[in-house]
């Protein structure tokens, strides 16, 4: 997913952090705001869904 984000947004991304976790946690934040939580949604996001959330 990180590669796909960098491919699409390139230099417009100023920071991309991957933080290892346990327990199936996967969250996406933008400017310190949670925009997707696997724990809340009960599923992993599709890359096109992530693009929509970020755009």
PDB file of N, CA and C in Angstrom:
ATOM      1  N   UNK A   1       0.825  -1.175   0.000  1.00  0.00           N
ATOM      2  CA  UNK A   1       0.000   0.000   0.000  1.00  0.00           C
ATOM      3  C   UNK A   1       0.877   1.250   0.000  1.00  0.00           C
ATOM      4  N   UNK A   2       1.962   1.232   0.750  1.00  0.00           N
ATOM      5  CA  UNK A   2       2.854   2.391   0.777  1.00  0.00           C
ATOM      6  C   UNK A   2       3.392   2.682  -0.618  1.00  0.00           C
ATOM      7  N   UNK A   3       3.768   1.650  -1.347  1.00  0.00           N
ATOM      8  CA  UNK A   3       4.278   1.827  -2.715  1.00  0.00           C
ATOM      9  C   UNK A   3       3.215   2.442  -3.621  1.00  0.00           C
ATOM     10  N   UNK A   4       1.986   1.976  -3.493  1.00  0.00           N
ATOM     11  CA  UNK A   4       0.890   2.521  -4.305  1.00  0.00           C
ATOM     12  C   UNK A   4       0.651   3.984  -3.990  1.00  0.00           C
ATOM     13  N   UNK A   5       0.718   4.350  -2.726  1.00  0.00           N
ATOM     14  CA  UNK A   5       0.529   5.746  -2.331  1.00  0.00           C
ATOM     15  C   UNK A   5       1.643   6.626  -2.901  1.00  0.00           C
ATOM     16  N   UNK A   6       2.879   6.142  -2.804  1.00  0.00           N
ATOM     17  CA  UNK A   6       3.996   6.913  -3.342  1.00  0.00           C
ATOM     18  C   UNK A   6       3.932   7.001  -4.859  1.00  0.00           C
ATOM     19  N   UNK A   7       3.506   5.924  -5.524  1.00  0.00           N
ATOM     20  CA  UNK A   7       3.352   5.961  -6.982  1.00  0.00           C
ATOM     21  C   UNK A   7       2.326   6.999  -7.413  1.00  0.00           C
ATOM     22  N   UNK A   8       1.207   7.068  -6.701  1.00  0.00           N
ATOM     23  CA  UNK A   8       0.133   7.994  -7.085  1.00  0.00           C
ATOM     24  C   UNK A   8       0.442   9.444  -6.701  1.00  0.00           C
ATOM     25  N   UNK A   9       0.910   9.659  -5.476  1.00  0.00           N
ATOM     26  CA  UNK A   9       1.057  11.023  -4.970  1.00  0.00           C
ATOM     27  C   UNK A   9       2.468  11.579  -5.059  1.00  0.00           C
ATOM     28  N   UNK A  10       3.456  10.720  -5.246  1.00  0.00           N
ATOM     29  CA  UNK A  10       4.839  11.160  -5.447  1.00  0.00           C
ATOM     30  C   UNK A  10       5.321  12.175  -4.433  1.00  0.00           C
ATOM     31  N   UNK A  11       5.847  13.274  -4.930  1.00  0.00           N
ATOM     32  CA  UNK A  11       6.454  14.294  -4.073  1.00  0.00           C
ATOM     33  C   UNK A  11       5.460  15.116  -3.271  1.00  0.00           C
ATOM     34  N   UNK A  12       4.163  14.947  -3.517  1.00  0.00           N
ATOM     35  CA  UNK A  12       3.187  15.704  -2.729  1.00  0.00           C
ATOM     36  C   UNK A  12       3.033  15.116  -1.324  1.00  0.00           C
ATOM     37  N   UNK A  13       3.562  13.915  -1.115  1.00  0.00           N
ATOM     38  CA  UNK A  13       3.568  13.330   0.234  1.00  0.00           C
ATOM     39  C   UNK A  13       4.794  13.854   0.953  1.00  0.00           C
ATOM     40  N   UNK A  14       4.581  14.544   2.056  1.00  0.00           N
ATOM     41  CA  UNK A  14       5.713  15.063   2.822  1.00  0.00           C
ATOM     42  C   UNK A  14       6.145  14.112   3.921  1.00  0.00           C
ATOM     43  N   UNK A  15       5.245  13.201   4.322  1.00  0.00           N
ATOM     44  CA  UNK A  15       5.597  12.215   5.339  1.00  0.00           C
ATOM     45  C   UNK A  15       4.688  11.005   5.188  1.00  0.00           C
ATOM     46  N   UNK A  16       5.293   9.825   5.248  1.00  0.00           N
ATOM     47  CA  UNK A  16       4.558   8.567   5.213  1.00  0.00           C
ATOM     48  C   UNK A  16       5.198   7.669   6.247  1.00  0.00           C
ATOM     49  N   UNK A  17       4.442   7.296   7.262  1.00  0.00           N
ATOM     50  CA  UNK A  17       4.974   6.480   8.347  1.00  0.00           C
ATOM     51  C   UNK A  17       4.265   5.142   8.412  1.00  0.00           C
ATOM     52  N   UNK A  18       5.038   4.090   8.503  1.00  0.00           N
ATOM     53  CA  UNK A  18       4.503   2.753   8.745  1.00  0.00           C
ATOM     54  C   UNK A  18       4.936   2.368  10.150  1.00  0.00           C
ATOM     55  N   UNK A  19       3.967   2.145  11.027  1.00  0.00           N
ATOM     56  CA  UNK A  19       4.261   1.856  12.422  1.00  0.00           C
ATOM     57  C   UNK A  19       3.783   0.441  12.732  1.00  0.00           C
ATOM     58  N   UNK A  20       4.717  -0.490  12.938  1.00  0.00           N
ATOM     59  CA  UNK A  20       4.326  -1.863  13.246  1.00  0.00           C
ATOM     60  C   UNK A  20       3.468  -1.924  14.510  1.00  0.00           C
ATOM     61  N   UNK A  21       2.510  -2.824  14.476  1.00  0.00           N
ATOM     62  CA  UNK A  21       1.608  -2.993  15.599  1.00  0.00           C
ATOM     63  C   UNK A  21       1.211  -4.459  15.676  1.00  0.00           C
ATOM     64  N   UNK A  22       0.429  -4.791  16.680  1.00  0.00           N
ATOM     65  CA  UNK A  22      -0.066  -6.159  16.781  1.00  0.00           C
ATOM     66  C   UNK A  22      -1.569  -6.124  17.005  1.00  0.00           C
ATOM     67  N   UNK A  23      -2.173  -7.273  16.988  1.00  0.00           N
ATOM     68  CA  UNK A  23      -3.610  -7.339  17.232  1.00  0.00           C
ATOM     69  C   UNK A  23      -4.469  -6.949  16.049  1.00  0.00           C
ATOM     70  N   UNK A  24      -3.901  -6.910  14.849  1.00  0.00           N
ATOM     71  CA  UNK A  24      -4.692  -6.601  13.663  1.00  0.00           C
ATOM     72  C   UNK A  24      -5.038  -5.135  13.489  1.00  0.00           C
ATOM     73  N   UNK A  25      -4.359  -4.249  14.178  1.00  0.00           N
ATOM     74  CA  UNK A  25      -4.638  -2.818  14.061  1.00  0.00           C
ATOM     75  C   UNK A  25      -4.054  -2.293  12.752  1.00  0.00           C
ATOM     76  N   UNK A  26      -4.861  -1.571  11.994  1.00  0.00           N
ATOM     77  CA  UNK A  26      -4.412  -0.895  10.781  1.00  0.00           C
ATOM     78  C   UNK A  26      -5.204   0.390  10.694  1.00  0.00           C
ATOM     79  N   UNK A  27      -4.514   1.505  10.824  1.00  0.00           N
ATOM     80  CA  UNK A  27      -5.182   2.802  10.790  1.00  0.00           C
ATOM     81  C   UNK A  27      -4.493   3.710   9.790  1.00  0.00           C
ATOM     82  N   UNK A  28      -5.295   4.562   9.172  1.00  0.00           N
ATOM     83  CA  UNK A  28      -4.770   5.571   8.252  1.00  0.00           C
ATOM     84  C   UNK A  28      -5.185   6.927   8.800  1.00  0.00           C
ATOM     85  N   UNK A  29      -4.194   7.784   8.978  1.00  0.00           N
ATOM     86  CA  UNK A  29      -4.474   9.146   9.428  1.00  0.00           C
ATOM     87  C   UNK A  29      -3.927  10.125   8.397  1.00  0.00           C
ATOM     88  N   UNK A  30      -4.562  11.273   8.346  1.00  0.00           N
ATOM     89  CA  UNK A  30      -4.092  12.365   7.500  1.00  0.00           C
ATOM     90  C   UNK A  30      -4.148  13.624   8.329  1.00  0.00           C
ATOM     91  N   UNK A  31      -3.006  14.285   8.446  1.00  0.00           N
ATOM     92  CA  UNK A  31      -2.914  15.501   9.264  1.00  0.00           C
ATOM     93  C   UNK A  31      -3.472  15.262  10.663  1.00  0.00           C
ATOM     94  N   UNK A  32      -3.075  14.141  11.251  1.00  0.00           N
ATOM     95  CA  UNK A  32      -3.457  13.759  12.618  1.00  0.00           C
ATOM     96  C   UNK A  32      -4.936  13.438  12.794  1.00  0.00           C
ATOM     97  N   UNK A  33      -5.688  13.242  11.707  1.00  0.00           N
ATOM     98  CA  UNK A  33      -7.095  12.873  11.782  1.00  0.00           C
ATOM     99  C   UNK A  33      -7.254  11.450  11.254  1.00  0.00           C
ATOM    100  N   UNK A  34      -7.895  10.595  12.044  1.00  0.00           N
ATOM    101  CA  UNK A  34      -8.135   9.224  11.658  1.00  0.00           C
ATOM    102  C   UNK A  34      -9.148   9.188  10.514  1.00  0.00           C
ATOM    103  N   UNK A  35      -8.762   8.583   9.384  1.00  0.00           N
ATOM    104  CA  UNK A  35      -9.696   8.500   8.262  1.00  0.00           C
ATOM    105  C   UNK A  35     -10.097   7.060   7.953  1.00  0.00           C
ATOM    106  N   UNK A  36      -9.360   6.087   8.484  1.00  0.00           N
ATOM    107  CA  UNK A  36      -9.761   4.684   8.346  1.00  0.00           C
ATOM    108  C   UNK A  36      -9.196   3.888   9.503  1.00  0.00           C
ATOM    109  N   UNK A  37     -10.023   3.017  10.067  1.00  0.00           N
ATOM    110  CA  UNK A  37      -9.605   2.119  11.141  1.00  0.00           C
ATOM    111  C   UNK A  37     -10.100   0.709  10.831  1.00  0.00           C
ATOM    112  N   UNK A  38      -9.165  -0.209  10.650  1.00  0.00           N
ATOM    113  CA  UNK A  38      -9.541  -1.604  10.415  1.00  0.00           C
ATOM    114  C   UNK A  38     -10.294  -2.157  11.617  1.00  0.00           C
ATOM    115  N   UNK A  39      -9.884  -1.753  12.790  1.00  0.00           N
ATOM    116  CA  UNK A  39     -10.547  -2.222  14.009  1.00  0.00           C
ATOM    117  C   UNK A  39     -12.015  -1.792  14.025  1.00  0.00           C
ATOM    118  N   UNK A  40     -12.287  -0.571  13.643  1.00  0.00           N
ATOM    119  CA  UNK A  40     -13.659  -0.048  13.634  1.00  0.00           C
ATOM    120  C   UNK A  40     -14.483  -0.655  12.496  1.00  0.00           C
ATOM    121  N   UNK A  41     -13.879  -0.739  11.300  1.00  0.00           N
ATOM    122  CA  UNK A  41     -14.596  -1.220  10.111  1.00  0.00           C
ATOM    123  C   UNK A  41     -14.656  -2.743  10.022  1.00  0.00           C
ATOM    124  N   UNK A  42     -13.715  -3.418  10.704  1.00  0.00           N
ATOM    125  CA  UNK A  42     -13.683  -4.877  10.681  1.00  0.00           C
ATOM    126  C   UNK A  42     -13.134  -5.466   9.387  1.00  0.00           C
ATOM    127  N   UNK A  43     -12.407  -4.643   8.636  1.00  0.00           N
ATOM    128  CA  UNK A  43     -11.852  -5.099   7.359  1.00  0.00           C
ATOM    129  C   UNK A  43     -10.675  -4.218   6.962  1.00  0.00           C
ATOM    130  N   UNK A  44      -9.885  -4.751   6.043  1.00  0.00           N
ATOM    131  CA  UNK A  44      -8.762  -4.008   5.491  1.00  0.00           C
ATOM    132  C   UNK A  44      -9.267  -3.174   4.315  1.00  0.00           C
ATOM    133  N   UNK A  45      -8.784  -1.940   4.127  1.00  0.00           N
ATOM    134  CA  UNK A  45      -9.287  -1.106   3.026  1.00  0.00           C
ATOM    135  C   UNK A  45      -8.706  -1.515   1.675  1.00  0.00           C
ATOM    136  N   UNK A  46      -9.464  -1.309   0.629  1.00  0.00           N
ATOM    137  CA  UNK A  46      -8.967  -1.460  -0.738  1.00  0.00           C
ATOM    138  C   UNK A  46      -8.178  -0.197  -1.080  1.00  0.00           C
ATOM    139  N   UNK A  47      -7.177  -0.331  -1.945  1.00  0.00           N
ATOM    140  CA  UNK A  47      -6.338   0.824  -2.268  1.00  0.00           C
ATOM    141  C   UNK A  47      -7.141   1.960  -2.895  1.00  0.00           C
ATOM    142  N   UNK A  48      -8.114   1.646  -3.745  1.00  0.00           N
ATOM    143  CA  UNK A  48      -8.939   2.714  -4.335  1.00  0.00           C
ATOM    144  C   UNK A  48      -9.748   3.452  -3.275  1.00  0.00           C
ATOM    145  N   UNK A  49     -10.162   2.742  -2.244  1.00  0.00           N
ATOM    146  CA  UNK A  49     -10.879   3.369  -1.132  1.00  0.00           C
ATOM    147  C   UNK A  49      -9.957   4.337  -0.395  1.00  0.00           C
ATOM    148  N   UNK A  50      -8.718   3.931  -0.208  1.00  0.00           N
ATOM    149  CA  UNK A  50      -7.730   4.808   0.458  1.00  0.00           C
ATOM    150  C   UNK A  50      -7.520   6.060  -0.374  1.00  0.00           C
ATOM    151  N   UNK A  51      -7.369   5.901  -1.695  1.00  0.00           N
ATOM    152  CA  UNK A  51      -7.202   7.062  -2.569  1.00  0.00           C
ATOM    153  C   UNK A  51      -8.385   8.018  -2.420  1.00  0.00           C
ATOM    154  N   UNK A  52      -9.595   7.490  -2.381  1.00  0.00           N
ATOM    155  CA  UNK A  52     -10.799   8.315  -2.237  1.00  0.00           C
ATOM    156  C   UNK A  52     -10.786   9.059  -0.908  1.00  0.00           C
ATOM    157  N   UNK A  53     -10.412   8.383   0.145  1.00  0.00           N
ATOM    158  CA  UNK A  53     -10.370   9.009   1.464  1.00  0.00           C
ATOM    159  C   UNK A  53      -9.329  10.116   1.529  1.00  0.00           C
ATOM    160  N   UNK A  54      -8.235   9.942   0.813  1.00  0.00           N
ATOM    161  CA  UNK A  54      -7.162  10.937   0.846  1.00  0.00           C
ATOM    162  C   UNK A  54      -7.423  12.114  -0.081  1.00  0.00           C
ATOM    163  N   UNK A  55      -8.208  11.914  -1.134  1.00  0.00           N
ATOM    164  CA  UNK A  55      -8.463  12.985  -2.113  1.00  0.00           C
ATOM    165  C   UNK A  55      -9.559  13.885  -1.682  1.00  0.00           C
TER     166      UNK A  55
END
